[in-house]
């Protein structure tokens, strides 16, 4: 027969193993108003959706913050359960499974008010000096149409170039761009930057879960889907996303 002490050890081990299975660790970076290490809920919109979706299903969530390239690498190697928010592309599809969309990003062009910027077709963009941020989806998107771009290492540098009119227009998420204008530039500088209403593209943003451990990743995809459905049904998702005008 199993002794009481042995039984207690087995039960404790089982409880610990279950707790580990229900602890989900994400490697993410700074991308407010969607993700940030700062304790500012209004700048953690995607984090709040992910966290509340999993917690509603009995899971515990941990976020660790890295440069985005490092977060991507750690997740792809299975050091973390996933990373977010990312757009689907062929490179990522080789390494990851995708969750249901956390939100949809609308990418538009920001431009200096002194520039008579307008476009209807992609070829219209060839007459302008277009900016881009390294490794961003808009860069890959425009490359396929042969649109030359002046690249920067981050979005702050891209907006500074726009302000100084070193580029004519810069594409980024509408809400992300508005956040940057409000937080990186003075009121006078921000008033000089406008955005064109025509979307360059719209793309869903997902959690990437590594194929390194397909069984666990598939489970976490299903858990997130269930939690997200409950947030949508209850109206909590809308509360999070509409907070601070995060969706139009």
C-alpha atoms as a PDB file:
ATOM      1  CA  UNK A   1       0.000   0.000   0.000  1.00  0.00           C
ATOM      2  CA  UNK A   2       1.032   3.564  -0.591  1.00  0.00           C
ATOM      3  CA  UNK A   3       1.888   5.276   2.673  1.00  0.00           C
ATOM      4  CA  UNK A   4       0.340   8.554   3.706  1.00  0.00           C
ATOM      5  CA  UNK A   5       3.630  10.394   3.283  1.00  0.00           C
ATOM      6  CA  UNK A   6       4.101   8.985  -0.219  1.00  0.00           C
ATOM      7  CA  UNK A   7       0.534   9.888  -1.143  1.00  0.00           C
ATOM      8  CA  UNK A   8       1.058  13.455   0.058  1.00  0.00           C
ATOM      9  CA  UNK A   9       4.234  13.722  -2.025  1.00  0.00           C
ATOM     10  CA  UNK A  10       2.406  12.407  -5.108  1.00  0.00           C
ATOM     11  CA  UNK A  11      -0.446  14.840  -4.623  1.00  0.00           C
ATOM     12  CA  UNK A  12       1.927  17.760  -4.126  1.00  0.00           C
ATOM     13  CA  UNK A  13       3.895  16.765  -7.205  1.00  0.00           C
ATOM     14  CA  UNK A  14       0.709  16.485  -9.252  1.00  0.00           C
ATOM     15  CA  UNK A  15      -0.498  19.882  -8.038  1.00  0.00           C
ATOM     16  CA  UNK A  16       2.863  21.458  -8.870  1.00  0.00           C
ATOM     17  CA  UNK A  17       2.883  19.901 -12.333  1.00  0.00           C
ATOM     18  CA  UNK A  18      -0.651  21.139 -12.985  1.00  0.00           C
ATOM     19  CA  UNK A  19       0.282  24.634 -11.817  1.00  0.00           C
ATOM     20  CA  UNK A  20       3.253  24.624 -14.191  1.00  0.00           C
ATOM     21  CA  UNK A  21       1.037  23.519 -17.080  1.00  0.00           C
ATOM     22  CA  UNK A  22      -1.417  26.320 -16.319  1.00  0.00           C
ATOM     23  CA  UNK A  23       1.280  28.994 -16.117  1.00  0.00           C
ATOM     24  CA  UNK A  24       1.768  30.686 -19.484  1.00  0.00           C
ATOM     25  CA  UNK A  25       4.857  32.784 -20.173  1.00  0.00           C
ATOM     26  CA  UNK A  26       5.045  35.322 -22.977  1.00  0.00           C
ATOM     27  CA  UNK A  27       8.077  37.153 -24.351  1.00  0.00           C
ATOM     28  CA  UNK A  28       6.965  40.571 -25.557  1.00  0.00           C
ATOM     29  CA  UNK A  29       8.376  44.063 -26.088  1.00  0.00           C
ATOM     30  CA  UNK A  30       7.519  47.730 -25.921  1.00  0.00           C
ATOM     31  CA  UNK A  31       4.750  48.662 -28.350  1.00  0.00           C
ATOM     32  CA  UNK A  32       2.303  50.969 -26.594  1.00  0.00           C
ATOM     33  CA  UNK A  33      -0.620  51.346 -26.534  1.00  0.00           C
ATOM     34  CA  UNK A  34      -0.701  47.568 -26.966  1.00  0.00           C
ATOM     35  CA  UNK A  35       2.206  46.283 -24.850  1.00  0.00           C
ATOM     36  CA  UNK A  36       4.506  47.919 -22.324  1.00  0.00           C
ATOM     37  CA  UNK A  37       6.372  47.068 -19.115  1.00  0.00           C
ATOM     38  CA  UNK A  38       5.132  50.331 -17.600  1.00  0.00           C
ATOM     39  CA  UNK A  39       2.205  49.934 -15.235  1.00  0.00           C
ATOM     40  CA  UNK A  40      -0.121  51.885 -17.506  1.00  0.00           C
ATOM     41  CA  UNK A  41      -3.232  49.842 -18.352  1.00  0.00           C
ATOM     42  CA  UNK A  42      -4.223  52.265 -21.117  1.00  0.00           C
ATOM     43  CA  UNK A  43      -0.965  51.331 -22.899  1.00  0.00           C
ATOM     44  CA  UNK A  44      -1.361  47.568 -22.366  1.00  0.00           C
ATOM     45  CA  UNK A  45      -4.463  46.943 -24.449  1.00  0.00           C
ATOM     46  CA  UNK A  46      -3.289  43.702 -26.090  1.00  0.00           C
ATOM     47  CA  UNK A  47      -1.772  42.470 -22.834  1.00  0.00           C
ATOM     48  CA  UNK A  48      -5.050  42.990 -21.017  1.00  0.00           C
ATOM     49  CA  UNK A  49      -7.007  41.019 -23.608  1.00  0.00           C
ATOM     50  CA  UNK A  50      -4.526  38.124 -23.525  1.00  0.00           C
ATOM     51  CA  UNK A  51      -4.223  38.131 -19.744  1.00  0.00           C
ATOM     52  CA  UNK A  52      -7.956  38.247 -19.059  1.00  0.00           C
ATOM     53  CA  UNK A  53      -8.751  35.647 -21.717  1.00  0.00           C
ATOM     54  CA  UNK A  54      -6.374  33.116 -20.155  1.00  0.00           C
ATOM     55  CA  UNK A  55      -7.202  33.984 -16.563  1.00  0.00           C
ATOM     56  CA  UNK A  56     -10.883  33.405 -17.288  1.00  0.00           C
ATOM     57  CA  UNK A  57      -9.915  29.789 -18.057  1.00  0.00           C
ATOM     58  CA  UNK A  58      -7.909  29.304 -14.869  1.00  0.00           C
ATOM     59  CA  UNK A  59      -4.438  30.047 -16.257  1.00  0.00           C
ATOM     60  CA  UNK A  60      -1.747  32.286 -14.765  1.00  0.00           C
ATOM     61  CA  UNK A  61       0.054  34.675 -17.112  1.00  0.00           C
ATOM     62  CA  UNK A  62       3.588  36.060 -16.975  1.00  0.00           C
ATOM     63  CA  UNK A  63       5.042  38.723 -19.285  1.00  0.00           C
ATOM     64  CA  UNK A  64       8.785  39.237 -19.769  1.00  0.00           C
ATOM     65  CA  UNK A  65      10.039  42.134 -21.867  1.00  0.00           C
ATOM     66  CA  UNK A  66      12.800  42.100 -24.479  1.00  0.00           C
ATOM     67  CA  UNK A  67      13.742  43.828 -27.719  1.00  0.00           C
ATOM     68  CA  UNK A  68      11.266  42.447 -30.257  1.00  0.00           C
ATOM     69  CA  UNK A  69      13.848  40.446 -32.201  1.00  0.00           C
ATOM     70  CA  UNK A  70      14.924  38.759 -28.956  1.00  0.00           C
ATOM     71  CA  UNK A  71      11.329  38.067 -27.928  1.00  0.00           C
ATOM     72  CA  UNK A  72      10.688  36.466 -31.316  1.00  0.00           C
ATOM     73  CA  UNK A  73      13.793  34.266 -31.046  1.00  0.00           C
ATOM     74  CA  UNK A  74      13.065  33.118 -27.488  1.00  0.00           C
ATOM     75  CA  UNK A  75       9.515  32.165 -28.404  1.00  0.00           C
ATOM     76  CA  UNK A  76      10.562  30.383 -31.601  1.00  0.00           C
ATOM     77  CA  UNK A  77      13.037  28.260 -29.614  1.00  0.00           C
ATOM     78  CA  UNK A  78      10.397  27.260 -27.085  1.00  0.00           C
ATOM     79  CA  UNK A  79      11.944  29.195 -24.210  1.00  0.00           C
ATOM     80  CA  UNK A  80       8.567  30.914 -23.856  1.00  0.00           C
ATOM     81  CA  UNK A  81       5.046  29.801 -24.644  1.00  0.00           C
ATOM     82  CA  UNK A  82       4.579  32.585 -27.172  1.00  0.00           C
ATOM     83  CA  UNK A  83       4.916  36.209 -28.190  1.00  0.00           C
ATOM     84  CA  UNK A  84       2.453  38.845 -29.384  1.00  0.00           C
ATOM     85  CA  UNK A  85       1.090  40.816 -31.187  1.00  0.00           C
ATOM     86  CA  UNK A  86       2.299  39.796 -34.642  1.00  0.00           C
ATOM     87  CA  UNK A  87       0.911  39.714 -38.177  1.00  0.00           C
ATOM     88  CA  UNK A  88       0.970  36.447 -40.130  1.00  0.00           C
ATOM     89  CA  UNK A  89       3.655  36.006 -42.760  1.00  0.00           C
ATOM     90  CA  UNK A  90       5.478  33.120 -44.438  1.00  0.00           C
ATOM     91  CA  UNK A  91       8.584  33.309 -42.233  1.00  0.00           C
ATOM     92  CA  UNK A  92       6.550  33.208 -39.029  1.00  0.00           C
ATOM     93  CA  UNK A  93       4.332  30.423 -40.347  1.00  0.00           C
ATOM     94  CA  UNK A  94       7.382  28.164 -40.589  1.00  0.00           C
ATOM     95  CA  UNK A  95       8.063  28.551 -36.870  1.00  0.00           C
ATOM     96  CA  UNK A  96       4.754  29.244 -35.200  1.00  0.00           C
ATOM     97  CA  UNK A  97       1.073  28.439 -34.902  1.00  0.00           C
ATOM     98  CA  UNK A  98      -1.327  31.380 -34.683  1.00  0.00           C
ATOM     99  CA  UNK A  99      -4.015  32.204 -32.161  1.00  0.00           C
ATOM    100  CA  UNK A 100      -7.323  33.844 -32.967  1.00  0.00           C
ATOM    101  CA  UNK A 101      -6.806  37.528 -33.724  1.00  0.00           C
ATOM    102  CA  UNK A 102      -6.317  39.727 -30.660  1.00  0.00           C
ATOM    103  CA  UNK A 103      -7.249  42.811 -32.679  1.00  0.00           C
ATOM    104  CA  UNK A 104      -7.094  44.190 -36.212  1.00  0.00           C
ATOM    105  CA  UNK A 105      -4.591  46.895 -37.075  1.00  0.00           C
ATOM    106  CA  UNK A 106      -5.389  49.465 -39.763  1.00  0.00           C
ATOM    107  CA  UNK A 107      -2.199  50.814 -41.369  1.00  0.00           C
ATOM    108  CA  UNK A 108      -2.379  54.315 -42.866  1.00  0.00           C
ATOM    109  CA  UNK A 109       0.115  56.896 -44.115  1.00  0.00           C
ATOM    110  CA  UNK A 110       1.156  59.766 -41.877  1.00  0.00           C
ATOM    111  CA  UNK A 111       2.527  62.838 -43.670  1.00  0.00           C
ATOM    112  CA  UNK A 112       3.631  66.407 -43.048  1.00  0.00           C
ATOM    113  CA  UNK A 113       0.857  68.974 -43.490  1.00  0.00           C
ATOM    114  CA  UNK A 114       3.008  70.918 -45.976  1.00  0.00           C
ATOM    115  CA  UNK A 115       3.184  67.892 -48.272  1.00  0.00           C
ATOM    116  CA  UNK A 116       0.327  67.517 -50.744  1.00  0.00           C
ATOM    117  CA  UNK A 117       0.231  63.762 -50.135  1.00  0.00           C
ATOM    118  CA  UNK A 118      -2.549  61.751 -51.734  1.00  0.00           C
ATOM    119  CA  UNK A 119      -2.880  58.291 -53.207  1.00  0.00           C
ATOM    120  CA  UNK A 120      -5.459  55.912 -54.668  1.00  0.00           C
ATOM    121  CA  UNK A 121      -3.359  53.182 -56.259  1.00  0.00           C
ATOM    122  CA  UNK A 122      -0.075  51.653 -55.100  1.00  0.00           C
ATOM    123  CA  UNK A 123       1.747  53.083 -58.109  1.00  0.00           C
ATOM    124  CA  UNK A 124       0.811  56.578 -56.888  1.00  0.00           C
ATOM    125  CA  UNK A 125       3.261  56.058 -54.016  1.00  0.00           C
ATOM    126  CA  UNK A 126       6.272  55.885 -56.342  1.00  0.00           C
ATOM    127  CA  UNK A 127       6.338  59.674 -56.656  1.00  0.00           C
ATOM    128  CA  UNK A 128       6.917  60.084 -52.918  1.00  0.00           C
ATOM    129  CA  UNK A 129       9.771  59.435 -50.522  1.00  0.00           C
ATOM    130  CA  UNK A 130       8.274  56.747 -48.277  1.00  0.00           C
ATOM    131  CA  UNK A 131       9.688  55.926 -44.858  1.00  0.00           C
ATOM    132  CA  UNK A 132       9.706  52.566 -43.110  1.00  0.00           C
ATOM    133  CA  UNK A 133      10.859  50.882 -39.914  1.00  0.00           C
ATOM    134  CA  UNK A 134      13.124  47.857 -40.203  1.00  0.00           C
ATOM    135  CA  UNK A 135      11.346  44.484 -40.073  1.00  0.00           C
ATOM    136  CA  UNK A 136       7.864  46.024 -39.966  1.00  0.00           C
ATOM    137  CA  UNK A 137       5.160  44.395 -42.064  1.00  0.00           C
ATOM    138  CA  UNK A 138       4.564  47.571 -44.091  1.00  0.00           C
ATOM    139  CA  UNK A 139       8.149  47.333 -45.376  1.00  0.00           C
ATOM    140  CA  UNK A 140       7.590  43.798 -46.681  1.00  0.00           C
ATOM    141  CA  UNK A 141       4.207  44.807 -48.078  1.00  0.00           C
ATOM    142  CA  UNK A 142       5.561  47.777 -50.056  1.00  0.00           C
ATOM    143  CA  UNK A 143       8.648  45.886 -51.202  1.00  0.00           C
ATOM    144  CA  UNK A 144       6.474  43.457 -53.145  1.00  0.00           C
ATOM    145  CA  UNK A 145       5.176  46.393 -55.199  1.00  0.00           C
ATOM    146  CA  UNK A 146       8.619  47.831 -55.841  1.00  0.00           C
ATOM    147  CA  UNK A 147       8.139  50.888 -53.607  1.00  0.00           C
ATOM    148  CA  UNK A 148      11.488  52.302 -52.495  1.00  0.00           C
ATOM    149  CA  UNK A 149      11.664  53.101 -48.788  1.00  0.00           C
ATOM    150  CA  UNK A 150      13.984  54.997 -46.471  1.00  0.00           C
ATOM    151  CA  UNK A 151      14.338  52.742 -43.446  1.00  0.00           C
ATOM    152  CA  UNK A 152      14.870  53.668 -39.795  1.00  0.00           C
ATOM    153  CA  UNK A 153      15.668  51.472 -36.812  1.00  0.00           C
ATOM    154  CA  UNK A 154      12.548  52.506 -34.901  1.00  0.00           C
ATOM    155  CA  UNK A 155       9.344  54.465 -35.291  1.00  0.00           C
ATOM    156  CA  UNK A 156      10.559  57.488 -33.356  1.00  0.00           C
ATOM    157  CA  UNK A 157      13.302  57.972 -35.935  1.00  0.00           C
ATOM    158  CA  UNK A 158      10.750  57.602 -38.733  1.00  0.00           C
ATOM    159  CA  UNK A 159       8.483  60.276 -37.258  1.00  0.00           C
ATOM    160  CA  UNK A 160      11.453  62.587 -36.710  1.00  0.00           C
ATOM    161  CA  UNK A 161      12.321  62.234 -40.400  1.00  0.00           C
ATOM    162  CA  UNK A 162       8.720  63.009 -41.255  1.00  0.00           C
ATOM    163  CA  UNK A 163       8.750  66.104 -39.055  1.00  0.00           C
ATOM    164  CA  UNK A 164      11.980  67.319 -40.677  1.00  0.00           C
ATOM    165  CA  UNK A 165      10.548  66.449 -44.125  1.00  0.00           C
ATOM    166  CA  UNK A 166      13.342  64.027 -44.918  1.00  0.00           C
ATOM    167  CA  UNK A 167      10.553  61.675 -46.015  1.00  0.00           C
ATOM    168  CA  UNK A 168       7.137  62.493 -47.438  1.00  0.00           C
ATOM    169  CA  UNK A 169       5.029  59.836 -45.769  1.00  0.00           C
ATOM    170  CA  UNK A 170       5.326  57.010 -43.273  1.00  0.00           C
ATOM    171  CA  UNK A 171       2.947  54.028 -42.864  1.00  0.00           C
ATOM    172  CA  UNK A 172       2.035  52.649 -39.466  1.00  0.00           C
ATOM    173  CA  UNK A 173      -1.015  51.569 -37.504  1.00  0.00           C
ATOM    174  CA  UNK A 174      -3.479  54.418 -37.154  1.00  0.00           C
ATOM    175  CA  UNK A 175      -3.830  54.071 -33.390  1.00  0.00           C
ATOM    176  CA  UNK A 176      -0.125  53.362 -32.896  1.00  0.00           C
ATOM    177  CA  UNK A 177       0.736  56.448 -34.953  1.00  0.00           C
ATOM    178  CA  UNK A 178      -1.614  58.649 -32.968  1.00  0.00           C
ATOM    179  CA  UNK A 179      -0.052  57.357 -29.758  1.00  0.00           C
ATOM    180  CA  UNK A 180       3.439  58.237 -31.015  1.00  0.00           C
ATOM    181  CA  UNK A 181       2.370  61.737 -32.049  1.00  0.00           C
ATOM    182  CA  UNK A 182       0.874  62.366 -28.629  1.00  0.00           C
ATOM    183  CA  UNK A 183       3.833  60.989 -26.690  1.00  0.00           C
ATOM    184  CA  UNK A 184       6.969  61.657 -28.744  1.00  0.00           C
ATOM    185  CA  UNK A 185       6.313  65.098 -30.210  1.00  0.00           C
ATOM    186  CA  UNK A 186       5.382  68.449 -28.767  1.00  0.00           C
ATOM    187  CA  UNK A 187       1.857  69.720 -29.378  1.00  0.00           C
ATOM    188  CA  UNK A 188       3.184  72.087 -32.033  1.00  0.00           C
ATOM    189  CA  UNK A 189       5.126  69.328 -33.784  1.00  0.00           C
ATOM    190  CA  UNK A 190       2.264  66.850 -33.603  1.00  0.00           C
ATOM    191  CA  UNK A 191      -0.111  69.390 -35.155  1.00  0.00           C
ATOM    192  CA  UNK A 192       2.054  69.371 -38.290  1.00  0.00           C
ATOM    193  CA  UNK A 193       1.543  65.648 -38.912  1.00  0.00           C
ATOM    194  CA  UNK A 194      -1.664  64.368 -40.534  1.00  0.00           C
ATOM    195  CA  UNK A 195      -2.779  60.956 -41.700  1.00  0.00           C
ATOM    196  CA  UNK A 196      -4.435  59.881 -44.930  1.00  0.00           C
ATOM    197  CA  UNK A 197      -7.752  58.119 -44.414  1.00  0.00           C
ATOM    198  CA  UNK A 198      -7.191  55.433 -47.058  1.00  0.00           C
ATOM    199  CA  UNK A 199      -5.792  52.254 -45.402  1.00  0.00           C
ATOM    200  CA  UNK A 200      -2.654  50.758 -46.889  1.00  0.00           C
ATOM    201  CA  UNK A 201      -3.828  47.433 -45.476  1.00  0.00           C
ATOM    202  CA  UNK A 202      -5.604  45.915 -42.511  1.00  0.00           C
ATOM    203  CA  UNK A 203      -4.193  42.893 -40.757  1.00  0.00           C
ATOM    204  CA  UNK A 204      -5.107  40.788 -37.766  1.00  0.00           C
ATOM    205  CA  UNK A 205      -2.629  40.679 -34.900  1.00  0.00           C
ATOM    206  CA  UNK A 206      -2.055  37.289 -33.269  1.00  0.00           C
ATOM    207  CA  UNK A 207      -0.244  35.417 -30.554  1.00  0.00           C
ATOM    208  CA  UNK A 208       2.581  33.339 -32.053  1.00  0.00           C
ATOM    209  CA  UNK A 209       2.943  29.945 -30.358  1.00  0.00           C
ATOM    210  CA  UNK A 210       5.997  27.844 -31.258  1.00  0.00           C
ATOM    211  CA  UNK A 211       5.855  24.660 -33.282  1.00  0.00           C
ATOM    212  CA  UNK A 212       8.705  23.571 -31.001  1.00  0.00           C
ATOM    213  CA  UNK A 213       5.959  22.153 -28.752  1.00  0.00           C
ATOM    214  CA  UNK A 214       2.963  21.757 -31.020  1.00  0.00           C
ATOM    215  CA  UNK A 215       0.779  19.895 -28.529  1.00  0.00           C
ATOM    216  CA  UNK A 216       1.054  22.577 -25.847  1.00  0.00           C
ATOM    217  CA  UNK A 217       0.792  25.400 -28.373  1.00  0.00           C
ATOM    218  CA  UNK A 218      -2.400  23.931 -29.816  1.00  0.00           C
ATOM    219  CA  UNK A 219      -3.852  23.614 -26.320  1.00  0.00           C
ATOM    220  CA  UNK A 220      -3.022  27.238 -25.543  1.00  0.00           C
ATOM    221  CA  UNK A 221      -4.601  28.342 -28.819  1.00  0.00           C
ATOM    222  CA  UNK A 222      -7.822  26.566 -27.854  1.00  0.00           C
ATOM    223  CA  UNK A 223      -7.766  27.999 -24.324  1.00  0.00           C
ATOM    224  CA  UNK A 224      -7.258  31.522 -25.648  1.00  0.00           C
ATOM    225  CA  UNK A 225     -10.067  31.106 -28.174  1.00  0.00           C
ATOM    226  CA  UNK A 226     -12.454  30.057 -25.412  1.00  0.00           C
ATOM    227  CA  UNK A 227     -11.389  32.913 -23.142  1.00  0.00           C
ATOM    228  CA  UNK A 228     -11.611  35.440 -25.967  1.00  0.00           C
ATOM    229  CA  UNK A 229     -15.103  34.238 -26.870  1.00  0.00           C
ATOM    230  CA  UNK A 230     -16.191  34.791 -23.276  1.00  0.00           C
ATOM    231  CA  UNK A 231     -14.701  38.298 -23.239  1.00  0.00           C
ATOM    232  CA  UNK A 232     -16.591  39.109 -26.434  1.00  0.00           C
ATOM    233  CA  UNK A 233     -19.866  37.672 -25.179  1.00  0.00           C
ATOM    234  CA  UNK A 234     -19.655  39.501 -21.858  1.00  0.00           C
ATOM    235  CA  UNK A 235     -18.724  42.817 -23.488  1.00  0.00           C
ATOM    236  CA  UNK A 236     -15.444  42.960 -21.584  1.00  0.00           C
ATOM    237  CA  UNK A 237     -13.416  42.830 -24.812  1.00  0.00           C
ATOM    238  CA  UNK A 238     -15.187  45.907 -26.107  1.00  0.00           C
ATOM    239  CA  UNK A 239     -14.578  47.703 -22.803  1.00  0.00           C
ATOM    240  CA  UNK A 240     -10.837  47.066 -23.068  1.00  0.00           C
ATOM    241  CA  UNK A 241     -10.511  47.980 -26.734  1.00  0.00           C
ATOM    242  CA  UNK A 242     -12.733  51.054 -26.685  1.00  0.00           C
ATOM    243  CA  UNK A 243     -10.924  52.341 -23.602  1.00  0.00           C
ATOM    244  CA  UNK A 244      -9.015  55.470 -24.613  1.00  0.00           C
ATOM    245  CA  UNK A 245     -10.519  55.241 -28.136  1.00  0.00           C
ATOM    246  CA  UNK A 246      -8.458  52.194 -29.091  1.00  0.00           C
ATOM    247  CA  UNK A 247     -10.939  51.283 -31.801  1.00  0.00           C
ATOM    248  CA  UNK A 248     -12.868  53.645 -34.018  1.00  0.00           C
END
